[in-house]
């Protein structure tokens, strides 16, 4: 994604982190499809990290996303 981003452009990511494997509130059940801080920091090393946090949240997003969940949120801005 970073290759296609203009200098100063922003990428926003919100997904389930690896701790979600222990929850039944939705999300993938494969580690390869979950995020972690270290991987995102490596994947976006050509970007400034505006925000990167792992958080426990309560989902109320329809039939398949209900209950306590572990998410990760990241905002990355491509360096000039």
N, C-alpha and C. Protein backbone atom coordinates (compact mmCIF):
# COMPACT_ATOMS: atom_id res chain seq x y z
N UNK A 1 0.81 -1.20 0.00
CA UNK A 1 0.00 0.00 0.00
C UNK A 1 0.85 1.26 0.00
N UNK A 2 1.94 1.24 0.73
CA UNK A 2 2.77 2.44 0.87
C UNK A 2 3.34 2.86 -0.48
N UNK A 3 3.67 1.91 -1.34
CA UNK A 3 4.23 2.21 -2.66
C UNK A 3 3.30 3.11 -3.47
N UNK A 4 2.00 2.90 -3.34
CA UNK A 4 1.03 3.65 -4.12
C UNK A 4 0.59 4.96 -3.46
N UNK A 5 1.08 5.21 -2.27
CA UNK A 5 0.70 6.41 -1.52
C UNK A 5 1.62 7.57 -1.87
N UNK A 6 1.05 8.75 -2.08
CA UNK A 6 1.86 9.94 -2.34
C UNK A 6 2.57 10.37 -1.06
N UNK A 7 3.66 11.10 -1.20
CA UNK A 7 4.35 11.65 -0.04
C UNK A 7 3.38 12.49 0.77
N UNK A 8 3.35 12.28 2.06
CA UNK A 8 2.44 13.00 2.95
C UNK A 8 1.06 12.38 3.03
N UNK A 9 0.81 11.34 2.21
CA UNK A 9 -0.49 10.66 2.24
C UNK A 9 -0.65 9.83 3.50
N UNK A 10 -1.89 9.52 3.83
CA UNK A 10 -2.21 8.84 5.09
C UNK A 10 -2.93 7.52 4.84
N UNK A 11 -2.55 6.50 5.61
CA UNK A 11 -3.23 5.20 5.62
C UNK A 11 -3.81 5.01 7.01
N UNK A 12 -5.08 4.62 7.07
CA UNK A 12 -5.74 4.34 8.34
C UNK A 12 -6.11 2.86 8.36
N UNK A 13 -5.72 2.16 9.41
CA UNK A 13 -6.00 0.73 9.54
C UNK A 13 -6.73 0.49 10.85
N UNK A 14 -7.79 -0.29 10.78
CA UNK A 14 -8.46 -0.78 11.97
C UNK A 14 -8.78 -2.25 11.73
N UNK A 15 -8.30 -3.09 12.61
CA UNK A 15 -8.52 -4.52 12.47
C UNK A 15 -8.43 -5.21 13.80
N UNK A 16 -8.57 -6.50 13.76
CA UNK A 16 -8.43 -7.30 14.98
C UNK A 16 -6.96 -7.62 15.21
N UNK A 17 -6.53 -7.54 16.47
CA UNK A 17 -5.15 -7.92 16.78
C UNK A 17 -5.11 -9.40 17.16
N UNK A 18 -3.91 -9.91 17.39
CA UNK A 18 -3.73 -11.34 17.63
C UNK A 18 -4.46 -11.85 18.87
N UNK A 19 -4.72 -10.99 19.84
CA UNK A 19 -5.42 -11.40 21.06
C UNK A 19 -6.87 -11.77 20.78
N UNK A 20 -7.39 -11.43 19.61
CA UNK A 20 -8.76 -11.74 19.25
C UNK A 20 -8.98 -13.25 19.09
N UNK A 21 -7.91 -14.01 18.90
CA UNK A 21 -8.03 -15.47 18.75
C UNK A 21 -8.76 -16.09 19.94
N UNK A 22 -8.65 -15.49 21.12
CA UNK A 22 -9.26 -16.03 22.33
C UNK A 22 -10.70 -15.55 22.54
N UNK A 23 -11.22 -14.78 21.60
CA UNK A 23 -12.56 -14.19 21.74
C UNK A 23 -13.52 -14.79 20.72
N UNK A 24 -14.81 -14.77 21.05
CA UNK A 24 -15.85 -15.26 20.15
C UNK A 24 -16.72 -14.14 19.62
N UNK A 25 -16.18 -12.94 19.54
CA UNK A 25 -16.97 -11.78 19.16
C UNK A 25 -16.82 -11.41 17.68
N UNK A 26 -16.19 -12.27 16.91
CA UNK A 26 -16.03 -12.02 15.48
C UNK A 26 -14.57 -11.98 15.08
N UNK A 27 -14.36 -11.70 13.81
CA UNK A 27 -13.00 -11.61 13.29
C UNK A 27 -12.45 -12.93 12.83
N UNK A 28 -11.33 -12.89 12.12
CA UNK A 28 -10.69 -14.09 11.59
C UNK A 28 -10.19 -15.01 12.70
N UNK A 29 -10.14 -16.28 12.42
CA UNK A 29 -9.60 -17.26 13.37
C UNK A 29 -8.29 -17.84 12.86
N UNK A 30 -7.56 -17.02 12.12
CA UNK A 30 -6.26 -17.39 11.58
C UNK A 30 -5.27 -16.29 11.94
N UNK A 31 -4.16 -16.64 12.58
CA UNK A 31 -3.16 -15.64 12.97
C UNK A 31 -2.64 -14.85 11.79
N UNK A 32 -2.57 -15.46 10.61
CA UNK A 32 -2.08 -14.79 9.42
C UNK A 32 -2.97 -13.63 9.00
N UNK A 33 -4.20 -13.60 9.47
CA UNK A 33 -5.15 -12.55 9.09
C UNK A 33 -5.34 -11.51 10.18
N UNK A 34 -4.59 -11.63 11.29
CA UNK A 34 -4.69 -10.70 12.41
C UNK A 34 -3.44 -9.81 12.44
N UNK A 35 -3.56 -8.66 13.06
CA UNK A 35 -2.48 -7.68 13.11
C UNK A 35 -1.78 -7.68 14.46
N UNK A 36 -0.54 -7.18 14.47
CA UNK A 36 0.17 -6.88 15.71
C UNK A 36 1.03 -5.65 15.48
N UNK A 37 1.37 -4.96 16.55
CA UNK A 37 2.10 -3.70 16.46
C UNK A 37 3.43 -3.86 15.74
N UNK A 38 4.18 -4.89 16.08
CA UNK A 38 5.51 -5.06 15.51
C UNK A 38 5.45 -5.20 13.99
N UNK A 39 4.50 -5.98 13.48
CA UNK A 39 4.38 -6.16 12.04
C UNK A 39 3.98 -4.87 11.35
N UNK A 40 3.04 -4.14 11.93
CA UNK A 40 2.63 -2.87 11.33
C UNK A 40 3.77 -1.85 11.34
N UNK A 41 4.54 -1.82 12.41
CA UNK A 41 5.69 -0.90 12.46
C UNK A 41 6.70 -1.25 11.38
N UNK A 42 6.91 -2.54 11.15
CA UNK A 42 7.84 -2.98 10.11
C UNK A 42 7.27 -2.69 8.71
N UNK A 43 6.00 -3.01 8.51
CA UNK A 43 5.36 -2.82 7.20
C UNK A 43 5.30 -1.35 6.80
N UNK A 44 5.19 -0.46 7.79
CA UNK A 44 5.06 0.97 7.50
C UNK A 44 6.28 1.75 7.99
N UNK A 45 7.45 1.14 7.86
CA UNK A 45 8.68 1.80 8.33
C UNK A 45 9.03 3.04 7.53
N UNK A 46 8.48 3.20 6.34
CA UNK A 46 8.71 4.41 5.54
C UNK A 46 7.66 5.48 5.84
N UNK A 47 6.95 5.30 6.93
CA UNK A 47 5.90 6.24 7.32
C UNK A 47 6.14 6.73 8.74
N UNK A 48 5.61 7.91 9.03
CA UNK A 48 5.55 8.37 10.41
C UNK A 48 4.32 7.75 11.04
N UNK A 49 4.47 7.28 12.25
CA UNK A 49 3.33 6.71 12.97
C UNK A 49 2.62 7.84 13.70
N UNK A 50 1.43 8.16 13.23
CA UNK A 50 0.62 9.20 13.86
C UNK A 50 -0.07 8.62 15.09
N UNK A 51 -0.55 7.39 14.95
CA UNK A 51 -1.21 6.68 16.06
C UNK A 51 -1.09 5.19 15.82
N UNK A 52 -0.86 4.44 16.89
CA UNK A 52 -0.84 2.98 16.83
C UNK A 52 -1.18 2.46 18.21
N UNK A 53 -2.38 1.88 18.33
CA UNK A 53 -2.81 1.41 19.64
C UNK A 53 -3.57 0.09 19.54
N UNK A 54 -3.37 -0.74 20.54
CA UNK A 54 -4.17 -1.95 20.70
C UNK A 54 -5.17 -1.66 21.81
N UNK A 55 -6.39 -2.10 21.61
CA UNK A 55 -7.43 -1.72 22.55
C UNK A 55 -8.47 -2.81 22.68
N UNK A 56 -9.02 -2.94 23.88
CA UNK A 56 -10.15 -3.82 24.13
C UNK A 56 -11.41 -2.98 23.97
N UNK A 57 -12.33 -3.43 23.11
CA UNK A 57 -13.55 -2.68 22.83
C UNK A 57 -14.77 -3.60 22.95
N UNK A 58 -15.93 -2.99 23.05
CA UNK A 58 -17.19 -3.73 23.05
C UNK A 58 -17.86 -3.52 21.70
N UNK A 59 -17.99 -4.60 20.94
CA UNK A 59 -18.59 -4.52 19.61
C UNK A 59 -20.10 -4.69 19.67
N UNK A 60 -20.78 -3.88 18.89
CA UNK A 60 -22.22 -3.99 18.67
C UNK A 60 -22.44 -3.69 17.20
N UNK A 61 -21.89 -4.56 16.34
CA UNK A 61 -21.85 -4.28 14.91
C UNK A 61 -22.55 -5.38 14.11
N UNK A 62 -23.74 -5.72 14.48
CA UNK A 62 -24.48 -6.74 13.75
C UNK A 62 -24.30 -8.13 14.32
N UNK A 63 -24.94 -9.06 13.69
CA UNK A 63 -25.03 -10.44 14.18
C UNK A 63 -23.68 -11.12 14.47
N UNK A 64 -22.67 -10.85 13.64
CA UNK A 64 -21.41 -11.58 13.76
C UNK A 64 -20.29 -10.82 14.46
N UNK A 65 -20.57 -9.63 14.94
CA UNK A 65 -19.57 -8.85 15.66
C UNK A 65 -20.20 -8.27 16.92
N UNK A 66 -20.33 -9.12 17.92
CA UNK A 66 -20.94 -8.76 19.19
C UNK A 66 -20.04 -9.16 20.35
N UNK A 67 -19.85 -8.26 21.30
CA UNK A 67 -19.12 -8.59 22.52
C UNK A 67 -17.74 -7.97 22.60
N UNK A 68 -17.00 -8.40 23.60
CA UNK A 68 -15.67 -7.89 23.86
C UNK A 68 -14.70 -8.34 22.77
N UNK A 69 -13.91 -7.40 22.27
CA UNK A 69 -12.98 -7.71 21.18
C UNK A 69 -11.65 -6.99 21.37
N UNK A 70 -10.64 -7.52 20.74
CA UNK A 70 -9.29 -6.94 20.77
C UNK A 70 -8.98 -6.39 19.39
N UNK A 71 -8.81 -5.07 19.30
CA UNK A 71 -8.57 -4.43 18.01
C UNK A 71 -7.25 -3.67 18.03
N UNK A 72 -6.81 -3.32 16.84
CA UNK A 72 -5.63 -2.47 16.69
C UNK A 72 -6.01 -1.37 15.71
N UNK A 73 -5.57 -0.17 16.01
CA UNK A 73 -5.85 0.99 15.18
C UNK A 73 -4.54 1.68 14.86
N UNK A 74 -4.38 2.01 13.59
CA UNK A 74 -3.14 2.67 13.19
C UNK A 74 -3.38 3.76 12.17
N UNK A 75 -2.65 4.85 12.31
CA UNK A 75 -2.66 5.93 11.33
C UNK A 75 -1.19 6.16 10.96
N UNK A 76 -0.90 6.03 9.67
CA UNK A 76 0.47 6.14 9.18
C UNK A 76 0.51 7.19 8.06
N UNK A 77 1.51 8.07 8.11
CA UNK A 77 1.67 9.11 7.10
C UNK A 77 3.00 8.89 6.39
N UNK A 78 2.94 8.76 5.06
CA UNK A 78 4.15 8.51 4.28
C UNK A 78 5.10 9.70 4.37
N UNK A 79 6.35 9.40 4.64
CA UNK A 79 7.37 10.45 4.74
C UNK A 79 7.62 11.08 3.38
N UNK A 80 8.03 12.33 3.39
CA UNK A 80 8.33 13.06 2.13
C UNK A 80 9.62 12.58 1.52
